[in-house]
PDB file of all heavy atoms in Angstrom:
ATOM      1  N   PHE A   1      -7.389  -0.915  14.582  1.00  0.00           N
ATOM      2  CA  PHE A   1      -7.439  -0.847  13.127  1.00  0.00           C
ATOM      3  C   PHE A   1      -7.031   0.543  12.667  1.00  0.00           C
ATOM      4  O   PHE A   1      -7.689   1.537  12.987  1.00  0.00           O
ATOM      5  CB  PHE A   1      -8.837  -1.201  12.621  1.00  0.00           C
ATOM      6  CG  PHE A   1      -9.147  -2.663  12.692  1.00  0.00           C
ATOM      7  CD1 PHE A   1      -9.864  -3.185  13.754  1.00  0.00           C
ATOM      8  CD2 PHE A   1      -8.691  -3.529  11.702  1.00  0.00           C
ATOM      9  CE1 PHE A   1     -10.140  -4.544  13.832  1.00  0.00           C
ATOM     10  CE2 PHE A   1      -8.952  -4.897  11.769  1.00  0.00           C
ATOM     11  CZ  PHE A   1      -9.678  -5.401  12.846  1.00  0.00           C
ATOM     12  N   ILE A   2      -5.932   0.593  11.918  1.00  0.00           N
ATOM     13  CA  ILE A   2      -5.393   1.859  11.402  1.00  0.00           C
ATOM     14  C   ILE A   2      -5.422   1.830   9.881  1.00  0.00           C
ATOM     15  O   ILE A   2      -4.964   0.870   9.263  1.00  0.00           O
ATOM     16  CB  ILE A   2      -3.951   2.082  11.917  1.00  0.00           C
ATOM     17  CG1 ILE A   2      -3.961   2.257  13.437  1.00  0.00           C
ATOM     18  CG2 ILE A   2      -3.334   3.307  11.248  1.00  0.00           C
ATOM     19  CD1 ILE A   2      -2.585   2.323  14.052  1.00  0.00           C
ATOM     20  N   HIS A   3      -5.968   2.869   9.314  1.00  0.00           N
ATOM     21  CA  HIS A   3      -6.059   2.960   7.857  1.00  0.00           C
ATOM     22  C   HIS A   3      -4.865   3.758   7.331  1.00  0.00           C
ATOM     23  O   HIS A   3      -4.521   4.814   7.873  1.00  0.00           O
ATOM     24  CB  HIS A   3      -7.355   3.648   7.436  1.00  0.00           C
ATOM     25  CG  HIS A   3      -7.640   3.535   5.973  1.00  0.00           C
ATOM     26  ND1 HIS A   3      -8.297   2.452   5.419  1.00  0.00           N
ATOM     27  CD2 HIS A   3      -7.343   4.350   4.928  1.00  0.00           C
ATOM     28  CE1 HIS A   3      -8.405   2.618   4.115  1.00  0.00           C
ATOM     29  NE2 HIS A   3      -7.822   3.763   3.794  1.00  0.00           N
ATOM     30  N   CYS A   4      -4.236   3.237   6.294  1.00  0.00           N
ATOM     31  CA  CYS A   4      -3.094   3.914   5.662  1.00  0.00           C
ATOM     32  C   CYS A   4      -3.520   4.423   4.286  1.00  0.00           C
ATOM     33  O   CYS A   4      -4.009   3.658   3.456  1.00  0.00           O
ATOM     34  CB  CYS A   4      -1.915   2.959   5.529  1.00  0.00           C
ATOM     35  SG  CYS A   4      -0.527   3.653   4.603  1.00  0.00           S
ATOM     36  N   LEU A   5      -3.340   5.704   4.063  1.00  0.00           N
ATOM     37  CA  LEU A   5      -3.707   6.336   2.792  1.00  0.00           C
ATOM     38  C   LEU A   5      -2.485   7.053   2.230  1.00  0.00           C
ATOM     39  O   LEU A   5      -1.849   7.844   2.926  1.00  0.00           O
ATOM     40  CB  LEU A   5      -4.845   7.338   3.016  1.00  0.00           C
ATOM     41  CG  LEU A   5      -5.383   8.077   1.798  1.00  0.00           C
ATOM     42  CD1 LEU A   5      -6.049   7.114   0.819  1.00  0.00           C
ATOM     43  CD2 LEU A   5      -6.390   9.141   2.234  1.00  0.00           C
ATOM     44  N   THR A   6      -2.137   6.761   0.977  1.00  0.00           N
ATOM     45  CA  THR A   6      -0.967   7.398   0.363  1.00  0.00           C
ATOM     46  C   THR A   6      -1.390   8.543  -0.542  1.00  0.00           C
ATOM     47  O   THR A   6      -2.379   8.448  -1.266  1.00  0.00           O
ATOM     48  CB  THR A   6      -0.157   6.382  -0.468  1.00  0.00           C
ATOM     49  OG1 THR A   6      -1.006   5.784  -1.443  1.00  0.00           O
ATOM     50  CG2 THR A   6       0.426   5.299   0.414  1.00  0.00           C
ATOM     51  N   ILE A   7      -0.630   9.622  -0.470  1.00  0.00           N
ATOM     52  CA  ILE A   7      -0.813  10.760  -1.373  1.00  0.00           C
ATOM     53  C   ILE A   7       0.501  10.921  -2.128  1.00  0.00           C
ATOM     54  O   ILE A   7       1.507  11.338  -1.561  1.00  0.00           O
ATOM     55  CB  ILE A   7      -1.175  12.047  -0.603  1.00  0.00           C
ATOM     56  CG1 ILE A   7      -2.514  11.848   0.108  1.00  0.00           C
ATOM     57  CG2 ILE A   7      -1.218  13.245  -1.539  1.00  0.00           C
ATOM     58  CD1 ILE A   7      -2.968  13.040   0.925  1.00  0.00           C
ATOM     59  N   ILE A   8       0.477  10.550  -3.410  1.00  0.00           N
ATOM     60  CA  ILE A   8       1.719  10.496  -4.189  1.00  0.00           C
ATOM     61  C   ILE A   8       1.592  11.287  -5.479  1.00  0.00           C
ATOM     62  O   ILE A   8       0.491  11.648  -5.911  1.00  0.00           O
ATOM     63  CB  ILE A   8       2.098   9.032  -4.517  1.00  0.00           C
ATOM     64  CG1 ILE A   8       0.991   8.394  -5.372  1.00  0.00           C
ATOM     65  CG2 ILE A   8       2.348   8.236  -3.264  1.00  0.00           C
ATOM     66  CD1 ILE A   8       1.386   7.074  -5.988  1.00  0.00           C
ATOM     67  N   GLY A   9       2.752  11.531  -6.096  1.00  0.00           N
ATOM     68  CA  GLY A   9       2.767  12.175  -7.410  1.00  0.00           C
ATOM     69  C   GLY A   9       2.230  13.590  -7.352  1.00  0.00           C
ATOM     70  O   GLY A   9       2.594  14.378  -6.494  1.00  0.00           O
ATOM     71  N   GLN A  10       1.324  13.879  -8.254  1.00  0.00           N
ATOM     72  CA  GLN A  10       0.751  15.220  -8.365  1.00  0.00           C
ATOM     73  C   GLN A  10      -0.715  15.200  -7.937  1.00  0.00           C
ATOM     74  O   GLN A  10      -1.469  14.300  -8.306  1.00  0.00           O
ATOM     75  CB  GLN A  10       0.869  15.720  -9.810  1.00  0.00           C
ATOM     76  CG  GLN A  10       0.653  17.219  -9.959  1.00  0.00           C
ATOM     77  CD  GLN A  10       1.152  17.718 -11.314  1.00  0.00           C
ATOM     78  OE1 GLN A  10       1.846  17.003 -12.029  1.00  0.00           O
ATOM     79  NE2 GLN A  10       0.797  18.942 -11.656  1.00  0.00           N
ATOM     80  N   ILE A  11      -1.107  16.196  -7.145  1.00  0.00           N
ATOM     81  CA  ILE A  11      -2.503  16.301  -6.727  1.00  0.00           C
ATOM     82  C   ILE A  11      -3.319  16.785  -7.920  1.00  0.00           C
ATOM     83  O   ILE A  11      -3.108  17.891  -8.423  1.00  0.00           O
ATOM     84  CB  ILE A  11      -2.676  17.278  -5.549  1.00  0.00           C
ATOM     85  CG1 ILE A  11      -1.674  16.993  -4.436  1.00  0.00           C
ATOM     86  CG2 ILE A  11      -4.114  17.232  -5.039  1.00  0.00           C
ATOM     87  CD1 ILE A  11      -1.800  15.648  -3.817  1.00  0.00           C
ATOM     88  N   GLU A  12      -4.239  15.945  -8.366  1.00  0.00           N
ATOM     89  CA  GLU A  12      -5.055  16.292  -9.534  1.00  0.00           C
ATOM     90  C   GLU A  12      -6.321  17.008  -9.081  1.00  0.00           C
ATOM     91  O   GLU A  12      -7.027  16.539  -8.182  1.00  0.00           O
ATOM     92  CB  GLU A  12      -5.417  15.022 -10.311  1.00  0.00           C
ATOM     93  CG  GLU A  12      -6.106  15.291 -11.630  1.00  0.00           C
ATOM     94  CD  GLU A  12      -6.373  14.000 -12.404  1.00  0.00           C
ATOM     95  OE1 GLU A  12      -5.503  13.597 -13.187  1.00  0.00           O
ATOM     96  OE2 GLU A  12      -7.443  13.408 -12.185  1.00  0.00           O
ATOM     97  N   GLY A  13      -6.591  18.147  -9.709  1.00  0.00           N
ATOM     98  CA  GLY A  13      -7.755  18.938  -9.356  1.00  0.00           C
ATOM     99  C   GLY A  13      -8.874  18.818 -10.356  1.00  0.00           C
ATOM    100  O   GLY A  13      -9.322  17.725 -10.687  1.00  0.00           O
ATOM    101  N   HIS A  14      -9.312  19.957 -10.883  1.00  0.00           N
ATOM    102  CA  HIS A  14     -10.461  19.983 -11.791  1.00  0.00           C
ATOM    103  C   HIS A  14     -10.112  19.537 -13.204  1.00  0.00           C
ATOM    104  O   HIS A  14     -11.003  19.274 -14.011  1.00  0.00           O
ATOM    105  CB  HIS A  14     -11.053  21.395 -11.831  1.00  0.00           C
ATOM    106  CG  HIS A  14     -11.452  21.911 -10.480  1.00  0.00           C
ATOM    107  ND1 HIS A  14     -12.402  21.293  -9.708  1.00  0.00           N
ATOM    108  CD2 HIS A  14     -11.016  22.968  -9.758  1.00  0.00           C
ATOM    109  CE1 HIS A  14     -12.541  21.961  -8.571  1.00  0.00           C
ATOM    110  NE2 HIS A  14     -11.708  22.971  -8.579  1.00  0.00           N
ATOM    111  N   TYR A  15      -8.833  19.483 -13.527  1.00  0.00           N
ATOM    112  CA  TYR A  15      -8.414  19.098 -14.874  1.00  0.00           C
ATOM    113  C   TYR A  15      -7.645  17.781 -14.829  1.00  0.00           C
ATOM    114  O   TYR A  15      -6.791  17.580 -13.962  1.00  0.00           O
ATOM    115  CB  TYR A  15      -7.543  20.196 -15.509  1.00  0.00           C
ATOM    116  CG  TYR A  15      -8.268  21.504 -15.660  1.00  0.00           C
ATOM    117  CD1 TYR A  15      -8.117  22.513 -14.714  1.00  0.00           C
ATOM    118  CD2 TYR A  15      -9.119  21.721 -16.741  1.00  0.00           C
ATOM    119  CE1 TYR A  15      -8.800  23.716 -14.837  1.00  0.00           C
ATOM    120  CE2 TYR A  15      -9.808  22.927 -16.877  1.00  0.00           C
ATOM    121  CZ  TYR A  15      -9.637  23.921 -15.919  1.00  0.00           C
ATOM    122  OH  TYR A  15     -10.331  25.099 -16.047  1.00  0.00           O
ATOM    123  N   ILE A  16      -7.955  16.895 -15.757  1.00  0.00           N
ATOM    124  CA  ILE A  16      -7.300  15.592 -15.811  1.00  0.00           C
ATOM    125  C   ILE A  16      -5.887  15.752 -16.347  1.00  0.00           C
ATOM    126  O   ILE A  16      -5.674  16.349 -17.406  1.00  0.00           O
ATOM    127  CB  ILE A  16      -8.091  14.618 -16.707  1.00  0.00           C
ATOM    128  CG1 ILE A  16      -9.492  14.382 -16.115  1.00  0.00           C
ATOM    129  CG2 ILE A  16      -7.359  13.291 -16.850  1.00  0.00           C
ATOM    130  CD1 ILE A  16     -10.390  13.533 -16.993  1.00  0.00           C
ATOM    131  N   LEU A  17      -4.916  15.214 -15.624  1.00  0.00           N
ATOM    132  CA  LEU A  17      -3.515  15.291 -16.031  1.00  0.00           C
ATOM    133  C   LEU A  17      -3.193  14.184 -17.029  1.00  0.00           C
ATOM    134  O   LEU A  17      -3.929  13.191 -17.131  1.00  0.00           O
ATOM    135  CB  LEU A  17      -2.618  15.181 -14.801  1.00  0.00           C
ATOM    136  CG  LEU A  17      -2.732  16.339 -13.800  1.00  0.00           C
ATOM    137  CD1 LEU A  17      -1.960  16.023 -12.538  1.00  0.00           C
ATOM    138  CD2 LEU A  17      -2.243  17.641 -14.416  1.00  0.00           C
ATOM    139  N   PRO A  18      -2.107  14.333 -17.785  1.00  0.00           N
ATOM    140  CA  PRO A  18      -1.725  13.291 -18.753  1.00  0.00           C
ATOM    141  C   PRO A  18      -1.583  11.921 -18.096  1.00  0.00           C
ATOM    142  O   PRO A  18      -1.221  11.816 -16.919  1.00  0.00           O
ATOM    143  CB  PRO A  18      -0.369  13.788 -19.286  1.00  0.00           C
ATOM    144  CG  PRO A  18      -0.418  15.268 -19.095  1.00  0.00           C
ATOM    145  CD  PRO A  18      -1.205  15.491 -17.841  1.00  0.00           C
ATOM    146  N   SER A  19      -1.860  10.870 -18.854  1.00  0.00           N
ATOM    147  CA  SER A  19      -1.893   9.510 -18.317  1.00  0.00           C
ATOM    148  C   SER A  19      -0.539   9.039 -17.792  1.00  0.00           C
ATOM    149  O   SER A  19      -0.471   8.144 -16.956  1.00  0.00           O
ATOM    150  CB  SER A  19      -2.399   8.534 -19.390  1.00  0.00           C
ATOM    151  OG  SER A  19      -1.557   8.585 -20.538  1.00  0.00           O
ATOM    152  N   GLN A  20       0.562   9.630 -18.284  1.00  0.00           N
ATOM    153  CA  GLN A  20       1.881   9.189 -17.822  1.00  0.00           C
ATOM    154  C   GLN A  20       2.244   9.775 -16.445  1.00  0.00           C
ATOM    155  O   GLN A  20       3.239   9.386 -15.848  1.00  0.00           O
ATOM    156  CB  GLN A  20       2.982   9.551 -18.837  1.00  0.00           C
ATOM    157  CG  GLN A  20       3.240  11.042 -19.012  1.00  0.00           C
ATOM    158  CD  GLN A  20       2.426  11.617 -20.159  1.00  0.00           C
ATOM    159  OE1 GLN A  20       1.404  11.050 -20.539  1.00  0.00           O
ATOM    160  NE2 GLN A  20       2.883  12.724 -20.723  1.00  0.00           N
ATOM    161  N   ASN A  21       1.435  10.718 -15.949  1.00  0.00           N
ATOM    162  CA  ASN A  21       1.690  11.324 -14.639  1.00  0.00           C
ATOM    163  C   ASN A  21       1.151  10.443 -13.517  1.00  0.00           C
ATOM    164  O   ASN A  21       0.052   9.907 -13.614  1.00  0.00           O
ATOM    165  CB  ASN A  21       1.018  12.697 -14.536  1.00  0.00           C
ATOM    166  CG  ASN A  21       1.710  13.752 -15.380  1.00  0.00           C
ATOM    167  OD1 ASN A  21       2.294  13.432 -16.398  1.00  0.00           O
ATOM    168  ND2 ASN A  21       1.624  14.993 -14.962  1.00  0.00           N
ATOM    169  N   LYS A  22       1.944  10.310 -12.457  1.00  0.00           N
ATOM    170  CA  LYS A  22       1.446   9.686 -11.236  1.00  0.00           C
ATOM    171  C   LYS A  22       0.604  10.733 -10.517  1.00  0.00           C
ATOM    172  O   LYS A  22       1.086  11.833 -10.216  1.00  0.00           O
ATOM    173  CB  LYS A  22       2.606   9.265 -10.333  1.00  0.00           C
ATOM    174  CG  LYS A  22       3.292   7.986 -10.748  1.00  0.00           C
ATOM    175  CD  LYS A  22       2.491   6.779 -10.294  1.00  0.00           C
ATOM    176  CE  LYS A  22       3.260   5.489 -10.555  1.00  0.00           C
ATOM    177  NZ  LYS A  22       2.481   4.312 -10.170  1.00  0.00           N
ATOM    178  N   THR A  23      -0.655  10.412 -10.225  1.00  0.00           N
ATOM    179  CA  THR A  23      -1.539  11.416  -9.632  1.00  0.00           C
ATOM    180  C   THR A  23      -2.314  10.866  -8.441  1.00  0.00           C
ATOM    181  O   THR A  23      -2.523   9.666  -8.308  1.00  0.00           O
ATOM    182  CB  THR A  23      -2.559  11.937 -10.664  1.00  0.00           C
ATOM    183  OG1 THR A  23      -3.393  10.852 -11.091  1.00  0.00           O
ATOM    184  CG2 THR A  23      -1.868  12.552 -11.860  1.00  0.00           C
ATOM    185  N   THR A  24      -2.722  11.792  -7.588  1.00  0.00           N
ATOM    186  CA  THR A  24      -3.687  11.519  -6.526  1.00  0.00           C
ATOM    187  C   THR A  24      -4.916  12.348  -6.835  1.00  0.00           C
ATOM    188  O   THR A  24      -4.841  13.580  -6.887  1.00  0.00           O
ATOM    189  CB  THR A  24      -3.126  11.896  -5.141  1.00  0.00           C
ATOM    190  OG1 THR A  24      -1.997  11.076  -4.851  1.00  0.00           O
ATOM    191  CG2 THR A  24      -4.172  11.713  -4.060  1.00  0.00           C
ATOM    192  N   LYS A  25      -6.031  11.702  -7.052  1.00  0.00           N
ATOM    193  CA  LYS A  25      -7.254  12.396  -7.463  1.00  0.00           C
ATOM    194  C   LYS A  25      -8.065  12.774  -6.226  1.00  0.00           C
ATOM    195  O   LYS A  25      -8.451  11.913  -5.444  1.00  0.00           O
ATOM    196  CB  LYS A  25      -8.081  11.514  -8.394  1.00  0.00           C
ATOM    197  CG  LYS A  25      -7.340  11.111  -9.665  1.00  0.00           C
ATOM    198  CD  LYS A  25      -8.201  10.186 -10.515  1.00  0.00           C
ATOM    199  CE  LYS A  25      -7.416   9.673 -11.727  1.00  0.00           C
ATOM    200  NZ  LYS A  25      -7.082  10.737 -12.678  1.00  0.00           N
ATOM    201  N   TYR A  26      -8.345  14.061  -6.079  1.00  0.00           N
ATOM    202  CA  TYR A  26      -9.011  14.504  -4.861  1.00  0.00           C
ATOM    203  C   TYR A  26     -10.443  13.984  -4.755  1.00  0.00           C
ATOM    204  O   TYR A  26     -10.953  13.787  -3.653  1.00  0.00           O
ATOM    205  CB  TYR A  26      -8.962  16.035  -4.748  1.00  0.00           C
ATOM    206  CG  TYR A  26     -10.029  16.799  -5.504  1.00  0.00           C
ATOM    207  CD1 TYR A  26     -11.017  17.506  -4.816  1.00  0.00           C
ATOM    208  CD2 TYR A  26     -10.063  16.838  -6.892  1.00  0.00           C
ATOM    209  CE1 TYR A  26     -11.990  18.222  -5.489  1.00  0.00           C
ATOM    210  CE2 TYR A  26     -11.029  17.548  -7.558  1.00  0.00           C
ATOM    211  CZ  TYR A  26     -11.994  18.242  -6.861  1.00  0.00           C
ATOM    212  OH  TYR A  26     -12.960  18.946  -7.531  1.00  0.00           O
ATOM    213  N   GLU A  27     -11.076  13.708  -5.899  1.00  0.00           N
ATOM    214  CA  GLU A  27     -12.439  13.169  -5.845  1.00  0.00           C
ATOM    215  C   GLU A  27     -12.463  11.722  -5.363  1.00  0.00           C
ATOM    216  O   GLU A  27     -13.519  11.202  -5.009  1.00  0.00           O
ATOM    217  CB  GLU A  27     -13.127  13.283  -7.209  1.00  0.00           C
ATOM    218  CG  GLU A  27     -12.619  12.359  -8.297  1.00  0.00           C
ATOM    219  CD  GLU A  27     -11.483  12.964  -9.113  1.00  0.00           C
ATOM    220  OE1 GLU A  27     -10.795  13.853  -8.587  1.00  0.00           O
ATOM    221  OE2 GLU A  27     -11.285  12.543 -10.267  1.00  0.00           O
ATOM    222  N   HIS A  28     -11.286  11.068  -5.342  1.00  0.00           N
ATOM    223  CA  HIS A  28     -11.186   9.723  -4.778  1.00  0.00           C
ATOM    224  C   HIS A  28     -10.851   9.785  -3.285  1.00  0.00           C
ATOM    225  O   HIS A  28     -11.345   8.978  -2.494  1.00  0.00           O
ATOM    226  CB  HIS A  28     -10.098   8.918  -5.488  1.00  0.00           C
ATOM    227  CG  HIS A  28     -10.427   8.594  -6.911  1.00  0.00           C
ATOM    228  ND1 HIS A  28      -9.542   7.974  -7.768  1.00  0.00           N
ATOM    229  CD2 HIS A  28     -11.547   8.801  -7.651  1.00  0.00           C
ATOM    230  CE1 HIS A  28     -10.099   7.828  -8.962  1.00  0.00           C
ATOM    231  NE2 HIS A  28     -11.307   8.323  -8.903  1.00  0.00           N
ATOM    232  N   VAL A  29     -10.002  10.742  -2.918  1.00  0.00           N
ATOM    233  CA  VAL A  29      -9.529  10.834  -1.532  1.00  0.00           C
ATOM    234  C   VAL A  29     -10.630  11.344  -0.600  1.00  0.00           C
ATOM    235  O   VAL A  29     -10.809  10.820   0.510  1.00  0.00           O
ATOM    236  CB  VAL A  29      -8.291  11.751  -1.445  1.00  0.00           C
ATOM    237  CG1 VAL A  29      -7.886  11.974   0.010  1.00  0.00           C
ATOM    238  CG2 VAL A  29      -7.131  11.164  -2.231  1.00  0.00           C
ATOM    239  N   ILE A  30     -11.381  12.346  -1.031  1.00  0.00           N
ATOM    240  CA  ILE A  30     -12.382  12.964  -0.155  1.00  0.00           C
ATOM    241  C   ILE A  30     -13.430  11.960   0.327  1.00  0.00           C
ATOM    242  O   ILE A  30     -13.709  11.882   1.532  1.00  0.00           O
ATOM    243  CB  ILE A  30     -13.035  14.182  -0.850  1.00  0.00           C
ATOM    244  CG1 ILE A  30     -12.009  15.334  -0.914  1.00  0.00           C
ATOM    245  CG2 ILE A  30     -14.299  14.633  -0.130  1.00  0.00           C
ATOM    246  CD1 ILE A  30     -12.472  16.551  -1.676  1.00  0.00           C
ATOM    247  N   PRO A  31     -14.033  11.141  -0.554  1.00  0.00           N
ATOM    248  CA  PRO A  31     -14.998  10.151  -0.049  1.00  0.00           C
ATOM    249  C   PRO A  31     -14.363   9.134   0.906  1.00  0.00           C
ATOM    250  O   PRO A  31     -15.013   8.668   1.844  1.00  0.00           O
ATOM    251  CB  PRO A  31     -15.507   9.463  -1.324  1.00  0.00           C
ATOM    252  CG  PRO A  31     -15.226  10.419  -2.423  1.00  0.00           C
ATOM    253  CD  PRO A  31     -13.980  11.125  -2.019  1.00  0.00           C
ATOM    254  N   GLN A  32     -13.084   8.797   0.659  1.00  0.00           N
ATOM    255  CA  GLN A  32     -12.400   7.870   1.557  1.00  0.00           C
ATOM    256  C   GLN A  32     -12.274   8.455   2.955  1.00  0.00           C
ATOM    257  O   GLN A  32     -12.459   7.761   3.958  1.00  0.00           O
ATOM    258  CB  GLN A  32     -11.019   7.518   1.013  1.00  0.00           C
ATOM    259  CG  GLN A  32     -11.044   6.612  -0.206  1.00  0.00           C
ATOM    260  CD  GLN A  32      -9.634   6.192  -0.602  1.00  0.00           C
ATOM    261  OE1 GLN A  32      -8.972   5.441   0.112  1.00  0.00           O
ATOM    262  NE2 GLN A  32      -9.171   6.673  -1.728  1.00  0.00           N
ATOM    263  N   LEU A  33     -11.950   9.746   3.032  1.00  0.00           N
ATOM    264  CA  LEU A  33     -11.807  10.404   4.334  1.00  0.00           C
ATOM    265  C   LEU A  33     -13.144  10.443   5.074  1.00  0.00           C
ATOM    266  O   LEU A  33     -13.195  10.246   6.292  1.00  0.00           O
ATOM    267  CB  LEU A  33     -11.255  11.822   4.158  1.00  0.00           C
ATOM    268  CG  LEU A  33      -9.835  11.930   3.607  1.00  0.00           C
ATOM    269  CD1 LEU A  33      -9.422  13.390   3.491  1.00  0.00           C
ATOM    270  CD2 LEU A  33      -8.846  11.170   4.478  1.00  0.00           C
ATOM    271  N   VAL A  34     -14.210  10.695   4.342  1.00  0.00           N
ATOM    272  CA  VAL A  34     -15.547  10.693   4.958  1.00  0.00           C
ATOM    273  C   VAL A  34     -15.877   9.301   5.492  1.00  0.00           C
ATOM    274  O   VAL A  34     -16.377   9.147   6.620  1.00  0.00           O
ATOM    275  CB  VAL A  34     -16.621  11.146   3.937  1.00  0.00           C
ATOM    276  CG1 VAL A  34     -18.013  11.023   4.539  1.00  0.00           C
ATOM    277  CG2 VAL A  34     -16.363  12.586   3.482  1.00  0.00           C
ATOM    278  N   ALA A  35     -15.580   8.271   4.700  1.00  0.00           N
ATOM    279  CA  ALA A  35     -15.857   6.894   5.117  1.00  0.00           C
ATOM    280  C   ALA A  35     -15.029   6.508   6.340  1.00  0.00           C
ATOM    281  O   ALA A  35     -15.524   5.837   7.258  1.00  0.00           O
ATOM    282  CB  ALA A  35     -15.571   5.937   3.964  1.00  0.00           C
TER     283      ALA A  35
END
């Protein structure tokens, strides 16, 4: 079993980027990596 995780667009940090931007939210990725 291999998990595939995509990191696309712009890495979003402490500030929310405009809705038209494709983003990867680090607060979503970090819990996934722990799991």
